[in-house]
Structure formats: structure tokens, C-alpha cells
């Protein structure tokens, strides 16, 4: 009888402990928030970055071209004779941080960047917010033209805040405040510090096709340059996104695109190009 009573007591104690553990487990369980997905399918809107981030350990190979101005017609085969190229790579260090490195034939520019997620659009917050920090190295500069040239004079820095919202399954919008600093500049046609503000949007036409538009307004801009205005078409094909682009800026670096747009849409002076992203 004693053995039976002891067995019953142990059984009840075990049941009580198991129930407490289960209740504690249920109390500590956090409900995972549903975040908005596929706000943008590409890492770039047209030339501007989007709030899309590479996944952890994901690698993107980037090939971009901007041809010359189409206004010269057949003399330059509508700009194809004056192409510039960008080759680069982007690696997702974590799900919230990526690093990039690219080389541009225009001004023999090297560009490195950090992209980092600050917030995500979800049930508790209405926006995606991502920071983007860029450093450019202009290797085209020569000491024959600039006798006192030092390495620091080749540097340009850009800091952007990317703020986006997926409004619907078809429409996504983005705002981009930007600050740029050039260590070497021509005061007659540019500024050492420039602030710009603008953004754009993506409208989904079909499951694999969207049209994109972006515009940036430069404050205290010399009249020599224009505000960048670009239109693009995203074509998603399996493992990569192909973007067709029409823009008034031939440069593909952040610093060149933001401050040195020279084309005039009203005069038919714009540039055709494309971005190709392949993910591994």
C-alpha cells in the first residue's frame, strides 16, 4: 500500500511540474510578426537603391551599361558607340547588412558601399527604412592636372536614407534624402556639399514585369547640371532581374548620378542602358 501511495504522489508531482513547464513555455512564446515582402524585386529602382536587402550569404553579380546620348542619332548609333560599364558584386553579410564593391569605366571609378536595414514594414511599423553609405574613389584624376593631388582628393562620400512603403500588391513607393561630400570639386560647376531629396515608385504590370520612375531634386545646384530623372522597366526571369533604363544621367555611381546629370529630356538628350543582377 505504501508503495502504491508513493507512486501516486510521484505521478501527481510529475504532472504538476510538466503543466508548469508547459504554461511557462506558452507564456514565453512570442508571436512572429508578419512583415511585408517583395516591396521591390530589384536592389535598384532605376539608379537609386531600393530597400530590398540580399539574404544572408547571398551574392549578387552586377553588370550595368549606360550608352551615350541618343540625340546624336546615327553619328554615334544612338549612343551605342559611347558606352560606359559597371561591374560589381554585393554580398549579404547578414539579413540586415550587405557590402558591395564595383568598378565603373566612367572616371575609372571604384565604389564601395554598406547597406543596412533599420526597420521593416509590418503590423507594428508602416515603413521599411534602410541606410546606404557609399565611398567613391576617382582614379581618373592625374597629377599633371592637379599638381597637389593626394589620395584623399579622389574621395567622394554619399549618405542616403531609403524610406519605402508597399502600398498595395502592385504599387510601392520610396523617399530618398541624400547628402554628398566631394573632397575635390570645381566650384564653377559643382559644390563640395550637396543635399538632395526625391524618390520614386514601382508599379507592377504583370507577375514578372513592372515600370519604375525616380526623380531627385538637388538643392543649391549649379545651372550647368540637371536634376536626375529616370524611367525603368523591370523584367524578372528566374534567377535574375533585368532592368531597361532611360535616364538623363550617364553616370552609374551614386555621386555622379546625383550631381552630374547633364541630359535634358525636353531636348531629347537622354541615355539608354540596363542593369543586370544575377543572384548566387
Protein backbone atom coordinates (compact mmCIF):
# COMPACT_ATOMS: atom_id res chain seq x y z
CA UNK A 1 0.00 0.00 0.00
CA UNK A 2 2.84 2.36 0.88
CA UNK A 3 4.48 1.71 -2.48
CA UNK A 4 1.21 2.48 -4.23
CA UNK A 5 0.76 5.79 -2.38
CA UNK A 6 4.36 6.80 -3.11
CA UNK A 7 3.85 6.03 -6.81
CA UNK A 8 0.66 8.13 -6.91
CA UNK A 9 2.39 11.07 -5.22
CA UNK A 10 5.34 10.94 -7.64
CA UNK A 11 2.97 10.77 -10.61
CA UNK A 12 0.97 13.80 -9.42
CA UNK A 13 4.16 15.78 -8.74
CA UNK A 14 5.47 14.98 -12.21
CA UNK A 15 2.17 16.03 -13.81
CA UNK A 16 2.16 19.29 -11.86
CA UNK A 17 5.76 20.06 -12.91
CA UNK A 18 5.03 19.23 -16.57
CA UNK A 19 1.98 21.54 -16.57
CA UNK A 20 4.04 24.37 -15.07
CA UNK A 21 6.72 23.89 -17.73
CA UNK A 22 4.09 23.89 -20.48
CA UNK A 23 2.45 27.07 -19.15
CA UNK A 24 5.83 28.79 -18.82
CA UNK A 25 6.68 27.74 -22.36
CA UNK A 26 3.41 29.14 -23.69
CA UNK A 27 3.89 32.39 -21.78
CA UNK A 28 7.40 32.90 -23.23
CA UNK A 29 6.41 32.11 -26.82
CA UNK A 30 6.45 35.26 -28.98
CA UNK A 31 4.17 35.58 -31.94
CA UNK A 32 6.31 36.26 -35.04
CA UNK A 33 5.30 39.45 -36.82
CA UNK A 34 4.24 39.30 -40.47
CA UNK A 35 6.46 41.61 -42.49
CA UNK A 36 5.68 42.99 -45.91
CA UNK A 37 7.53 41.12 -48.68
CA UNK A 38 8.60 41.87 -52.28
CA UNK A 39 8.22 45.64 -51.90
CA UNK A 40 10.82 45.82 -54.67
CA UNK A 41 12.12 42.92 -56.77
CA UNK A 42 15.47 44.56 -57.61
CA UNK A 43 18.17 46.12 -55.45
CA UNK A 44 17.89 49.30 -57.55
CA UNK A 45 14.80 51.26 -58.51
CA UNK A 46 16.45 52.63 -61.65
CA UNK A 47 19.74 54.08 -60.44
CA UNK A 48 18.69 54.74 -56.85
CA UNK A 49 18.96 51.90 -54.36
CA UNK A 50 15.78 50.28 -53.02
CA UNK A 51 15.06 48.95 -49.54
CA UNK A 52 15.43 45.36 -50.78
CA UNK A 53 18.27 43.57 -48.97
CA UNK A 54 20.23 40.47 -50.02
CA UNK A 55 19.63 37.48 -47.78
CA UNK A 56 22.42 36.22 -45.55
CA UNK A 57 25.28 34.66 -47.59
CA UNK A 58 23.54 35.63 -50.84
CA UNK A 59 25.82 37.03 -53.57
CA UNK A 60 24.72 39.27 -56.43
CA UNK A 61 26.82 39.81 -59.55
CA UNK A 62 26.01 43.16 -61.19
CA UNK A 63 26.54 44.24 -64.80
CA UNK A 64 25.33 47.69 -65.87
CA UNK A 65 25.69 49.71 -69.07
CA UNK A 66 24.87 53.31 -69.96
CA UNK A 67 25.27 54.23 -73.58
CA UNK A 68 25.89 57.74 -74.89
CA UNK A 69 23.16 60.29 -75.54
CA UNK A 70 20.59 59.30 -78.13
CA UNK A 71 20.37 62.86 -79.50
CA UNK A 72 23.39 62.32 -81.79
CA UNK A 73 21.39 59.80 -83.82
CA UNK A 74 23.24 57.62 -86.29
CA UNK A 75 26.52 59.52 -85.80
CA UNK A 76 27.02 57.54 -82.58
CA UNK A 77 24.42 54.86 -83.42
CA UNK A 78 22.09 56.44 -80.86
CA UNK A 79 24.75 56.36 -78.17
CA UNK A 80 25.92 52.77 -78.53
CA UNK A 81 29.39 53.94 -79.63
CA UNK A 82 29.92 55.71 -76.29
CA UNK A 83 29.03 53.03 -73.76
CA UNK A 84 30.17 53.00 -70.14
CA UNK A 85 30.21 49.89 -67.98
CA UNK A 86 29.86 48.97 -64.32
CA UNK A 87 30.87 45.58 -62.90
CA UNK A 88 30.37 44.72 -59.26
CA UNK A 89 29.35 42.36 -56.53
CA UNK A 90 27.08 42.55 -53.49
CA UNK A 91 27.24 40.15 -50.54
CA UNK A 92 24.72 39.68 -47.75
CA UNK A 93 26.76 39.51 -44.52
CA UNK A 94 23.55 39.10 -42.52
CA UNK A 95 19.87 39.52 -43.35
CA UNK A 96 20.16 43.19 -42.33
CA UNK A 97 23.65 44.09 -43.65
CA UNK A 98 25.29 43.87 -47.07
CA UNK A 99 28.57 45.07 -48.56
CA UNK A 100 29.26 45.99 -52.19
CA UNK A 101 32.21 46.76 -54.45
CA UNK A 102 32.10 47.89 -58.07
CA UNK A 103 34.24 49.39 -60.81
CA UNK A 104 32.97 51.99 -63.31
CA UNK A 105 34.66 52.82 -66.59
CA UNK A 106 33.40 56.42 -66.35
CA UNK A 107 36.14 58.32 -64.48
CA UNK A 108 37.72 54.90 -63.71
CA UNK A 109 35.72 54.94 -60.51
CA UNK A 110 35.82 52.38 -57.71
CA UNK A 111 32.80 52.35 -55.42
CA UNK A 112 32.26 50.56 -52.13
CA UNK A 113 29.06 50.60 -50.10
CA UNK A 114 27.31 49.42 -46.96
CA UNK A 115 23.56 48.82 -46.87
CA UNK A 116 21.85 48.20 -43.54
CA UNK A 117 18.23 47.71 -42.55
CA UNK A 118 16.91 49.86 -39.71
CA UNK A 119 13.20 48.94 -39.67
CA UNK A 120 10.79 46.72 -41.59
CA UNK A 121 7.24 47.33 -42.72
CA UNK A 122 4.92 45.14 -40.70
CA UNK A 123 1.99 45.08 -38.34
CA UNK A 124 3.76 47.30 -35.80
CA UNK A 125 5.52 49.75 -38.16
CA UNK A 126 4.35 51.14 -41.52
CA UNK A 127 7.69 51.62 -43.34
CA UNK A 128 10.88 49.93 -44.48
CA UNK A 129 13.87 52.12 -43.59
CA UNK A 130 17.37 51.28 -44.84
CA UNK A 131 20.64 53.21 -44.61
CA UNK A 132 23.07 53.32 -47.52
CA UNK A 133 26.66 54.60 -47.16
CA UNK A 134 28.97 54.94 -50.17
CA UNK A 135 32.62 55.88 -50.76
CA UNK A 136 33.87 56.57 -54.30
CA UNK A 137 37.49 56.65 -55.47
CA UNK A 138 38.12 58.59 -58.71
CA UNK A 139 41.29 57.11 -60.27
CA UNK A 140 40.91 59.18 -63.47
CA UNK A 141 42.40 62.29 -61.83
CA UNK A 142 46.04 62.97 -62.84
CA UNK A 143 48.77 64.94 -61.07
CA UNK A 144 49.53 66.72 -64.35
CA UNK A 145 46.18 68.47 -64.00
CA UNK A 146 46.22 68.71 -60.20
CA UNK A 147 49.86 69.12 -59.02
CA UNK A 148 48.93 68.89 -55.33
CA UNK A 149 46.80 65.80 -55.81
CA UNK A 150 46.64 63.40 -52.83
CA UNK A 151 44.66 60.22 -52.33
CA UNK A 152 42.09 61.99 -50.14
CA UNK A 153 41.23 64.29 -53.06
CA UNK A 154 39.97 61.30 -55.03
CA UNK A 155 37.30 60.53 -52.43
CA UNK A 156 33.57 61.30 -52.55
CA UNK A 157 31.11 60.23 -49.87
CA UNK A 158 27.35 59.71 -50.09
CA UNK A 159 24.91 59.01 -47.27
CA UNK A 160 21.30 58.09 -48.02
CA UNK A 161 18.22 57.09 -46.09
CA UNK A 162 15.86 54.84 -48.07
CA UNK A 163 12.26 55.01 -46.84
CA UNK A 164 9.69 52.84 -48.60
CA UNK A 165 6.19 51.50 -48.26
CA UNK A 166 4.40 48.74 -50.12
CA UNK A 167 1.08 50.49 -50.71
CA UNK A 168 -0.57 47.54 -52.46
CA UNK A 169 0.36 44.36 -54.31
CA UNK A 170 1.04 46.48 -57.40
CA UNK A 171 2.37 49.79 -56.04
CA UNK A 172 5.48 50.51 -53.94
CA UNK A 173 6.81 54.00 -53.16
CA UNK A 174 10.15 55.26 -51.84
CA UNK A 175 11.59 58.54 -50.50
CA UNK A 176 15.36 59.17 -50.51
CA UNK A 177 17.03 62.07 -48.68
CA UNK A 178 20.73 62.20 -49.63
CA UNK A 179 23.86 64.04 -48.56
CA UNK A 180 27.04 64.11 -50.67
CA UNK A 181 30.53 65.43 -49.96
CA UNK A 182 33.34 65.80 -52.54
CA UNK A 183 36.92 66.36 -51.38
CA UNK A 184 37.88 67.76 -54.80
CA UNK A 185 35.46 69.79 -56.90
CA UNK A 186 35.21 72.59 -59.47
CA UNK A 187 33.42 75.49 -57.74
CA UNK A 188 32.30 76.91 -61.12
CA UNK A 189 30.07 73.93 -61.94
CA UNK A 190 29.57 71.96 -58.68
CA UNK A 191 29.56 72.12 -54.89
CA UNK A 192 31.59 70.28 -52.26
CA UNK A 193 28.49 69.55 -50.17
CA UNK A 194 25.12 68.84 -51.73
CA UNK A 195 21.80 67.82 -50.27
CA UNK A 196 19.17 66.22 -52.48
CA UNK A 197 15.71 64.84 -51.88
CA UNK A 198 13.41 62.79 -54.04
CA UNK A 199 12.44 59.21 -54.66
CA UNK A 200 10.23 57.18 -56.91
CA UNK A 201 8.00 54.20 -57.25
CA UNK A 202 7.38 50.81 -58.80
CA UNK A 203 4.12 49.75 -60.40
CA UNK A 204 3.63 46.08 -61.16
CA UNK A 205 2.10 45.45 -64.60
CA UNK A 206 2.26 41.65 -64.64
CA UNK A 207 3.71 38.97 -62.37
CA UNK A 208 7.20 39.45 -63.84
CA UNK A 209 7.05 42.98 -65.26
CA UNK A 210 6.98 46.41 -63.58
CA UNK A 211 7.56 50.03 -64.59
CA UNK A 212 9.71 52.26 -62.35
CA UNK A 213 10.14 56.02 -62.06
CA UNK A 214 12.56 58.11 -59.98
CA UNK A 215 13.46 61.78 -59.57
CA UNK A 216 15.91 63.61 -57.30
CA UNK A 217 15.95 67.36 -56.65
CA UNK A 218 19.32 68.92 -55.83
CA UNK A 219 19.33 71.97 -53.58
CA UNK A 220 21.82 74.76 -54.40
CA UNK A 221 22.60 73.12 -57.75
CA UNK A 222 24.58 75.00 -60.45
CA UNK A 223 22.60 75.54 -63.66
CA UNK A 224 25.18 73.54 -65.60
CA UNK A 225 23.68 70.27 -64.37
CA UNK A 226 20.10 68.97 -64.29
CA UNK A 227 18.08 67.15 -61.68
CA UNK A 228 18.21 63.39 -62.43
CA UNK A 229 15.02 61.90 -63.85
CA UNK A 230 14.86 58.24 -64.89
CA UNK A 231 12.36 55.68 -66.13
CA UNK A 232 12.92 51.93 -65.99
CA UNK A 233 11.34 48.60 -66.78
CA UNK A 234 11.95 45.55 -64.54
CA UNK A 235 11.87 42.12 -66.18
CA UNK A 236 12.14 39.20 -63.77
CA UNK A 237 13.42 35.97 -65.34
CA UNK A 238 14.14 33.21 -62.86
CA UNK A 239 17.48 33.80 -61.15
CA UNK A 240 17.98 37.38 -62.25
CA UNK A 241 16.27 40.72 -62.74
CA UNK A 242 16.91 42.64 -65.97
CA UNK A 243 16.23 46.39 -65.96
CA UNK A 244 15.89 48.54 -69.08
CA UNK A 245 16.65 52.20 -68.33
CA UNK A 246 16.14 55.66 -69.82
CA UNK A 247 17.79 58.47 -67.85
CA UNK A 248 19.30 61.95 -68.22
CA UNK A 249 22.45 60.86 -66.35
CA UNK A 250 25.11 58.64 -67.90
CA UNK A 251 26.91 58.03 -64.61
CA UNK A 252 26.07 54.89 -62.63
CA UNK A 253 27.84 55.83 -59.39
CA UNK A 254 25.73 57.43 -56.66
CA UNK A 255 27.83 60.59 -56.64
CA UNK A 256 27.83 61.02 -60.42
CA UNK A 257 24.16 60.23 -60.87
CA UNK A 258 23.02 62.62 -58.15
CA UNK A 259 25.15 65.64 -59.03
CA UNK A 260 26.31 65.37 -62.66
CA UNK A 261 23.17 64.67 -64.68
CA UNK A 262 23.74 66.59 -67.92
CA UNK A 263 20.95 65.38 -70.21
CA UNK A 264 17.85 67.44 -70.98
CA UNK A 265 14.72 65.36 -71.56
CA UNK A 266 13.00 68.32 -73.25
CA UNK A 267 15.67 68.36 -75.96
CA UNK A 268 15.78 64.60 -76.50
CA UNK A 269 19.08 64.42 -74.64
CA UNK A 270 18.91 61.23 -72.57
CA UNK A 271 20.76 57.94 -72.18
CA UNK A 272 19.65 54.34 -72.67
CA UNK A 273 21.07 51.48 -70.60
CA UNK A 274 20.40 48.44 -68.48
CA UNK A 275 21.13 46.79 -65.13
CA UNK A 276 21.52 43.02 -64.83
CA UNK A 277 21.54 41.31 -61.42
CA UNK A 278 22.39 37.63 -61.10
CA UNK A 279 21.99 36.04 -57.66
CA UNK A 280 24.00 33.07 -56.39
